[in-house]
């Protein structure tokens, strides 16, 4: 279980990064963001944005009111990795339209999570679990 404020912080940072990617067309920055997504999907406790959140912000906040399961977050990071990788390939291999479209999708998803707490990848994962007949609670109150 994870504090949902951490992924929202990470989404806010990702939003800024993806805006810069779109403004500059930097495939190298898209690659850096893809690496962040990949590392965070594989090892959530080692994700750089999560480390910043846990080290600098979480100690200044009260405990979370609810927790979220880790699996939807990991799935969302994997989806972000795919979009950031496509953006990287688009920009670095000479297809800036492909790069911009993929970066735009990553930006939209990150912004929705940062601004409204709507994690599209998480919702996709939870919908899949419901369709598979193995529903998973989206949030659990902290006792």
C-alpha atoms as a PDB file:
ATOM      1  CA  UNK A   1       0.000   0.000   0.000  1.00  0.00           C
ATOM      2  CA  UNK A   2       1.217   3.501  -0.823  1.00  0.00           C
ATOM      3  CA  UNK A   3       0.426   7.068   0.152  1.00  0.00           C
ATOM      4  CA  UNK A   4      -1.531   8.451  -2.854  1.00  0.00           C
ATOM      5  CA  UNK A   5       0.037  11.879  -2.397  1.00  0.00           C
ATOM      6  CA  UNK A   6       3.406  10.526  -3.558  1.00  0.00           C
ATOM      7  CA  UNK A   7       2.208   9.550  -7.042  1.00  0.00           C
ATOM      8  CA  UNK A   8       0.383  12.877  -7.353  1.00  0.00           C
ATOM      9  CA  UNK A   9       3.633  14.695  -6.576  1.00  0.00           C
ATOM     10  CA  UNK A  10       5.433  12.522  -9.132  1.00  0.00           C
ATOM     11  CA  UNK A  11       2.705  13.322 -11.669  1.00  0.00           C
ATOM     12  CA  UNK A  12       3.203  17.040 -11.045  1.00  0.00           C
ATOM     13  CA  UNK A  13       6.933  16.747 -11.710  1.00  0.00           C
ATOM     14  CA  UNK A  14       6.235  14.591 -14.770  1.00  0.00           C
ATOM     15  CA  UNK A  15       3.801  17.233 -16.029  1.00  0.00           C
ATOM     16  CA  UNK A  16       6.546  19.854 -15.928  1.00  0.00           C
ATOM     17  CA  UNK A  17       9.047  17.528 -17.595  1.00  0.00           C
ATOM     18  CA  UNK A  18       6.637  16.623 -20.403  1.00  0.00           C
ATOM     19  CA  UNK A  19       5.757  20.275 -21.016  1.00  0.00           C
ATOM     20  CA  UNK A  20       9.469  20.973 -21.451  1.00  0.00           C
ATOM     21  CA  UNK A  21       9.765  17.952 -23.768  1.00  0.00           C
ATOM     22  CA  UNK A  22       6.946  19.308 -25.923  1.00  0.00           C
ATOM     23  CA  UNK A  23       8.314  22.857 -25.962  1.00  0.00           C
ATOM     24  CA  UNK A  24      11.869  21.824 -26.828  1.00  0.00           C
ATOM     25  CA  UNK A  25      11.351  18.591 -28.765  1.00  0.00           C
ATOM     26  CA  UNK A  26      14.083  17.047 -26.624  1.00  0.00           C
ATOM     27  CA  UNK A  27      14.280  13.317 -27.154  1.00  0.00           C
ATOM     28  CA  UNK A  28      16.992  13.139 -24.505  1.00  0.00           C
ATOM     29  CA  UNK A  29      14.709  14.629 -21.858  1.00  0.00           C
ATOM     30  CA  UNK A  30      11.957  12.234 -22.957  1.00  0.00           C
ATOM     31  CA  UNK A  31      14.499   9.434 -22.536  1.00  0.00           C
ATOM     32  CA  UNK A  32      15.291  10.623 -19.004  1.00  0.00           C
ATOM     33  CA  UNK A  33      11.572  10.605 -18.173  1.00  0.00           C
ATOM     34  CA  UNK A  34      11.225   7.134 -19.701  1.00  0.00           C
ATOM     35  CA  UNK A  35      14.057   5.973 -17.443  1.00  0.00           C
ATOM     36  CA  UNK A  36      12.245   7.427 -14.421  1.00  0.00           C
ATOM     37  CA  UNK A  37       9.045   5.632 -15.417  1.00  0.00           C
ATOM     38  CA  UNK A  38      10.914   2.370 -16.022  1.00  0.00           C
ATOM     39  CA  UNK A  39      12.800   2.466 -12.734  1.00  0.00           C
ATOM     40  CA  UNK A  40       9.680   3.412 -10.792  1.00  0.00           C
ATOM     41  CA  UNK A  41       7.640   0.624 -12.418  1.00  0.00           C
ATOM     42  CA  UNK A  42      10.336  -1.948 -11.651  1.00  0.00           C
ATOM     43  CA  UNK A  43      11.330  -0.693  -8.194  1.00  0.00           C
ATOM     44  CA  UNK A  44       8.734   1.773  -6.862  1.00  0.00           C
ATOM     45  CA  UNK A  45      10.706   2.511  -3.687  1.00  0.00           C
ATOM     46  CA  UNK A  46      13.675   3.661  -5.813  1.00  0.00           C
ATOM     47  CA  UNK A  47      11.769   6.013  -8.117  1.00  0.00           C
ATOM     48  CA  UNK A  48      13.487   9.414  -7.945  1.00  0.00           C
ATOM     49  CA  UNK A  49      10.311  11.473  -7.624  1.00  0.00           C
ATOM     50  CA  UNK A  50       9.079   9.187  -4.846  1.00  0.00           C
ATOM     51  CA  UNK A  51      12.400   9.532  -3.044  1.00  0.00           C
ATOM     52  CA  UNK A  52      12.056  13.316  -3.167  1.00  0.00           C
ATOM     53  CA  UNK A  53       8.471  13.104  -1.918  1.00  0.00           C
ATOM     54  CA  UNK A  54       9.324  10.736   0.945  1.00  0.00           C
ATOM     55  CA  UNK A  55      12.473  12.619   1.908  1.00  0.00           C
ATOM     56  CA  UNK A  56      11.313  16.222   1.677  1.00  0.00           C
ATOM     57  CA  UNK A  57       7.524  16.455   1.625  1.00  0.00           C
ATOM     58  CA  UNK A  58       6.032  13.489   3.480  1.00  0.00           C
ATOM     59  CA  UNK A  59       7.752  14.316   6.804  1.00  0.00           C
ATOM     60  CA  UNK A  60       6.102  17.753   6.719  1.00  0.00           C
ATOM     61  CA  UNK A  61       2.626  16.367   6.059  1.00  0.00           C
ATOM     62  CA  UNK A  62       0.353  14.443   8.357  1.00  0.00           C
ATOM     63  CA  UNK A  63      -0.279  10.767   7.754  1.00  0.00           C
ATOM     64  CA  UNK A  64      -2.445   9.982   4.734  1.00  0.00           C
ATOM     65  CA  UNK A  65      -6.175   9.495   5.262  1.00  0.00           C
ATOM     66  CA  UNK A  66      -6.164   6.500   2.922  1.00  0.00           C
ATOM     67  CA  UNK A  67      -3.740   4.240   1.125  1.00  0.00           C
ATOM     68  CA  UNK A  68      -3.771   2.793  -2.375  1.00  0.00           C
ATOM     69  CA  UNK A  69      -2.575  -0.608  -3.588  1.00  0.00           C
ATOM     70  CA  UNK A  70       0.794  -0.632  -5.331  1.00  0.00           C
ATOM     71  CA  UNK A  71      -0.158  -2.726  -8.381  1.00  0.00           C
ATOM     72  CA  UNK A  72      -2.242  -0.056 -10.190  1.00  0.00           C
ATOM     73  CA  UNK A  73       0.537   2.497  -9.649  1.00  0.00           C
ATOM     74  CA  UNK A  74       3.139   0.139 -11.107  1.00  0.00           C
ATOM     75  CA  UNK A  75       0.914  -0.519 -14.105  1.00  0.00           C
ATOM     76  CA  UNK A  76       0.444   3.224 -14.635  1.00  0.00           C
ATOM     77  CA  UNK A  77       4.218   3.742 -14.512  1.00  0.00           C
ATOM     78  CA  UNK A  78       4.622   1.009 -17.126  1.00  0.00           C
ATOM     79  CA  UNK A  79       2.101   2.730 -19.399  1.00  0.00           C
ATOM     80  CA  UNK A  80       3.983   6.004 -18.883  1.00  0.00           C
ATOM     81  CA  UNK A  81       7.208   4.209 -19.758  1.00  0.00           C
ATOM     82  CA  UNK A  82       5.708   3.045 -23.058  1.00  0.00           C
ATOM     83  CA  UNK A  83       4.508   6.536 -24.028  1.00  0.00           C
ATOM     84  CA  UNK A  84       7.767   8.202 -22.991  1.00  0.00           C
ATOM     85  CA  UNK A  85       9.745   5.580 -24.921  1.00  0.00           C
ATOM     86  CA  UNK A  86       7.670   6.180 -28.051  1.00  0.00           C
ATOM     87  CA  UNK A  87       8.190   9.928 -27.581  1.00  0.00           C
ATOM     88  CA  UNK A  88      11.933   9.361 -27.228  1.00  0.00           C
ATOM     89  CA  UNK A  89      12.097   7.253 -30.365  1.00  0.00           C
ATOM     90  CA  UNK A  90       9.985   9.712 -32.295  1.00  0.00           C
ATOM     91  CA  UNK A  91      12.157  12.688 -31.424  1.00  0.00           C
ATOM     92  CA  UNK A  92      15.521  10.939 -31.716  1.00  0.00           C
ATOM     93  CA  UNK A  93      14.731   9.068 -34.949  1.00  0.00           C
ATOM     94  CA  UNK A  94      13.404  12.062 -36.833  1.00  0.00           C
ATOM     95  CA  UNK A  95       9.636  11.780 -36.381  1.00  0.00           C
ATOM     96  CA  UNK A  96       8.801  14.783 -34.209  1.00  0.00           C
ATOM     97  CA  UNK A  97       5.051  14.364 -34.780  1.00  0.00           C
ATOM     98  CA  UNK A  98       5.200  10.868 -33.293  1.00  0.00           C
ATOM     99  CA  UNK A  99       7.281  12.213 -30.428  1.00  0.00           C
ATOM    100  CA  UNK A 100       4.896  15.087 -29.785  1.00  0.00           C
ATOM    101  CA  UNK A 101       1.775  12.904 -29.873  1.00  0.00           C
ATOM    102  CA  UNK A 102       3.245  10.370 -27.451  1.00  0.00           C
ATOM    103  CA  UNK A 103       4.583  13.109 -25.185  1.00  0.00           C
ATOM    104  CA  UNK A 104       1.171  14.792 -25.322  1.00  0.00           C
ATOM    105  CA  UNK A 105      -0.562  11.630 -24.149  1.00  0.00           C
ATOM    106  CA  UNK A 106       1.937  11.253 -21.302  1.00  0.00           C
ATOM    107  CA  UNK A 107       1.447  14.913 -20.402  1.00  0.00           C
ATOM    108  CA  UNK A 108      -2.348  14.615 -20.392  1.00  0.00           C
ATOM    109  CA  UNK A 109      -2.275  11.572 -18.120  1.00  0.00           C
ATOM    110  CA  UNK A 110       0.250  13.149 -15.744  1.00  0.00           C
ATOM    111  CA  UNK A 111      -1.696  16.405 -15.580  1.00  0.00           C
ATOM    112  CA  UNK A 112      -4.991  14.624 -14.801  1.00  0.00           C
ATOM    113  CA  UNK A 113      -3.316  12.809 -11.924  1.00  0.00           C
ATOM    114  CA  UNK A 114      -1.491  15.869 -10.594  1.00  0.00           C
ATOM    115  CA  UNK A 115      -4.435  18.265 -10.826  1.00  0.00           C
ATOM    116  CA  UNK A 116      -7.415  16.032 -10.120  1.00  0.00           C
ATOM    117  CA  UNK A 117      -6.079  12.797  -8.627  1.00  0.00           C
ATOM    118  CA  UNK A 118      -7.303  10.838 -11.660  1.00  0.00           C
ATOM    119  CA  UNK A 119      -4.711   8.218 -12.517  1.00  0.00           C
ATOM    120  CA  UNK A 120      -5.676   6.894 -15.946  1.00  0.00           C
ATOM    121  CA  UNK A 121      -3.267   3.957 -15.829  1.00  0.00           C
ATOM    122  CA  UNK A 122      -4.532   3.022 -12.373  1.00  0.00           C
ATOM    123  CA  UNK A 123      -8.121   3.161 -13.594  1.00  0.00           C
ATOM    124  CA  UNK A 124      -7.224   0.968 -16.591  1.00  0.00           C
ATOM    125  CA  UNK A 125      -5.680  -1.582 -14.230  1.00  0.00           C
ATOM    126  CA  UNK A 126      -8.688  -1.556 -11.898  1.00  0.00           C
ATOM    127  CA  UNK A 127     -11.092  -1.892 -14.858  1.00  0.00           C
ATOM    128  CA  UNK A 128      -9.111  -4.884 -16.127  1.00  0.00           C
ATOM    129  CA  UNK A 129      -9.283  -6.500 -12.690  1.00  0.00           C
ATOM    130  CA  UNK A 130     -13.060  -5.985 -12.570  1.00  0.00           C
ATOM    131  CA  UNK A 131     -13.483  -7.458 -16.060  1.00  0.00           C
ATOM    132  CA  UNK A 132     -11.311 -10.421 -15.093  1.00  0.00           C
ATOM    133  CA  UNK A 133     -13.549 -11.080 -12.085  1.00  0.00           C
ATOM    134  CA  UNK A 134     -10.850 -10.158  -9.569  1.00  0.00           C
ATOM    135  CA  UNK A 135     -11.777  -6.668  -8.382  1.00  0.00           C
ATOM    136  CA  UNK A 136      -9.355  -4.704  -6.262  1.00  0.00           C
ATOM    137  CA  UNK A 137     -10.232  -1.886  -3.890  1.00  0.00           C
ATOM    138  CA  UNK A 138      -8.952   1.428  -5.223  1.00  0.00           C
ATOM    139  CA  UNK A 139      -8.356   2.962  -1.800  1.00  0.00           C
ATOM    140  CA  UNK A 140      -8.304   1.739   1.760  1.00  0.00           C
ATOM    141  CA  UNK A 141      -8.888   4.079   4.733  1.00  0.00           C
ATOM    142  CA  UNK A 142      -6.030   4.250   7.207  1.00  0.00           C
ATOM    143  CA  UNK A 143      -7.165   2.913  10.556  1.00  0.00           C
END
